[in-house]
Every structure is written in C-alpha cells, then in structure tokens.
C-alpha cells in the first residue's frame, strides 16, 4: 500500500539575519548577525575597543548610503545595541 505524501506544514519565518538600523551617527546601516560557529577571526569592536574573540557571536555593520565593503565593522551585539549611549571609541581613517 502506498502512503500519501505528507502535507507540508508552514514553518514560522526565520529571524532576519540582515536588517537596516540607524547608527550612532544617524546614517542607515545594514546589520548582519554572525553566529559563534561562523566567527573564525578576531576583530576589535569600535564600541568598546575590546576584542571580539573567535567563536563569539556578534554583528557586522555595513554603511548603506556611503562607503563600501571595506567600511564594514564588527561589533559586539551588546555594544551595537547600546550605540545610542556611547559613540565609537576609535576613529577610522
């Protein structure tokens, strides 16, 4: 006896891995979540000037209206969340 194919259930949408948010300078940025398993390099967070170590979940922030891929910055998720309360600690040239 053959079975009927299972009906496909609708799954809840995945949380967006990319979103647009306003940065501490008032410009719009694309924010991408990086999972701990995909974090394979050490970066320096411009929000707190501390290292983002390997295997630490964080966000990558890319300017939308100006700059290019070279202008992206890796932030601790909490530092990006508190960006309105503190500005970048480093000046990038």
Protein backbone atom coordinates (compact mmCIF):
# COMPACT_ATOMS: atom_id res chain seq x y z
CA UNK A 1 0.00 0.00 0.00
CA UNK A 2 1.38 3.41 -0.96
CA UNK A 3 1.36 6.23 1.52
CA UNK A 4 0.19 9.66 0.63
CA UNK A 5 2.87 12.33 0.71
CA UNK A 6 2.87 14.34 3.88
CA UNK A 7 1.38 17.73 3.69
CA UNK A 8 3.91 20.48 4.11
CA UNK A 9 3.37 22.49 7.23
CA UNK A 10 4.11 26.15 7.15
CA UNK A 11 7.08 26.89 9.33
CA UNK A 12 7.48 30.11 11.20
CA UNK A 13 9.69 32.55 9.30
CA UNK A 14 13.31 32.56 10.32
CA UNK A 15 14.55 35.58 12.20
CA UNK A 16 16.09 38.02 9.75
CA UNK A 17 19.85 37.72 9.60
CA UNK A 18 20.02 41.09 7.89
CA UNK A 19 18.22 44.24 8.86
CA UNK A 20 18.58 48.00 8.47
CA UNK A 21 19.17 50.12 11.56
CA UNK A 22 20.26 53.67 12.27
CA UNK A 23 23.80 54.03 13.56
CA UNK A 24 25.13 56.34 16.26
CA UNK A 25 25.87 58.94 13.57
CA UNK A 26 22.30 58.99 12.22
CA UNK A 27 23.06 57.10 8.98
CA UNK A 28 21.44 53.81 7.99
CA UNK A 29 23.44 50.60 8.24
CA UNK A 30 22.83 47.02 7.20
CA UNK A 31 23.30 44.85 10.28
CA UNK A 32 24.14 41.17 9.80
CA UNK A 33 24.21 38.65 12.61
CA UNK A 34 27.27 36.39 12.81
CA UNK A 35 26.81 33.15 14.73
CA UNK A 36 29.52 31.83 17.02
CA UNK A 37 30.21 28.92 14.68
CA UNK A 38 30.92 31.33 11.79
CA UNK A 39 33.13 33.69 13.81
CA UNK A 40 36.58 32.43 12.86
CA UNK A 41 38.71 35.58 13.22
CA UNK A 42 39.48 38.07 15.96
CA UNK A 43 38.09 41.60 15.47
CA UNK A 44 38.16 44.79 17.51
CA UNK A 45 34.79 46.27 18.44
CA UNK A 46 34.59 50.01 17.74
CA UNK A 47 32.01 50.41 20.51
CA UNK A 48 34.19 49.27 23.41
CA UNK A 49 37.63 48.84 21.79
CA UNK A 50 37.84 45.26 23.11
CA UNK A 51 38.49 42.16 21.06
CA UNK A 52 35.70 40.05 19.62
CA UNK A 53 37.25 36.63 20.02
CA UNK A 54 36.90 33.59 17.82
CA UNK A 55 33.62 31.70 18.36
CA UNK A 56 31.85 34.78 19.76
CA UNK A 57 28.52 35.72 18.20
CA UNK A 58 28.44 39.35 17.08
CA UNK A 59 27.09 41.66 14.35
CA UNK A 60 28.66 43.10 11.21
CA UNK A 61 27.60 46.64 10.41
CA UNK A 62 27.89 47.97 6.82
CA UNK A 63 27.00 51.52 5.75
CA UNK A 64 24.21 51.60 3.17
CA UNK A 65 24.40 55.04 1.56
CA UNK A 66 28.14 55.60 1.68
CA UNK A 67 31.31 53.57 1.74
CA UNK A 68 31.80 50.01 0.62
CA UNK A 69 32.65 46.57 1.99
CA UNK A 70 35.92 47.94 3.38
CA UNK A 71 33.86 50.20 5.67
CA UNK A 72 32.16 47.31 7.48
CA UNK A 73 32.77 46.97 11.21
CA UNK A 74 32.33 44.06 13.58
CA UNK A 75 30.59 45.00 16.85
CA UNK A 76 29.70 43.06 19.97
CA UNK A 77 25.95 42.61 19.83
CA UNK A 78 25.52 44.42 23.17
CA UNK A 79 27.77 47.31 22.10
CA UNK A 80 25.73 47.80 18.92
CA UNK A 81 22.56 47.65 20.99
CA UNK A 82 23.90 50.44 23.24
CA UNK A 83 25.26 52.54 20.37
CA UNK A 84 22.96 55.46 21.26
CA UNK A 85 24.55 55.69 24.70
CA UNK A 86 28.16 55.54 23.57
CA UNK A 87 29.95 56.55 20.42
CA UNK A 88 32.76 54.69 18.70
CA UNK A 89 35.96 54.67 20.71
CA UNK A 90 38.17 54.54 17.62
CA UNK A 91 38.45 56.94 14.73
CA UNK A 92 38.76 55.15 11.39
CA UNK A 93 40.51 56.94 8.58
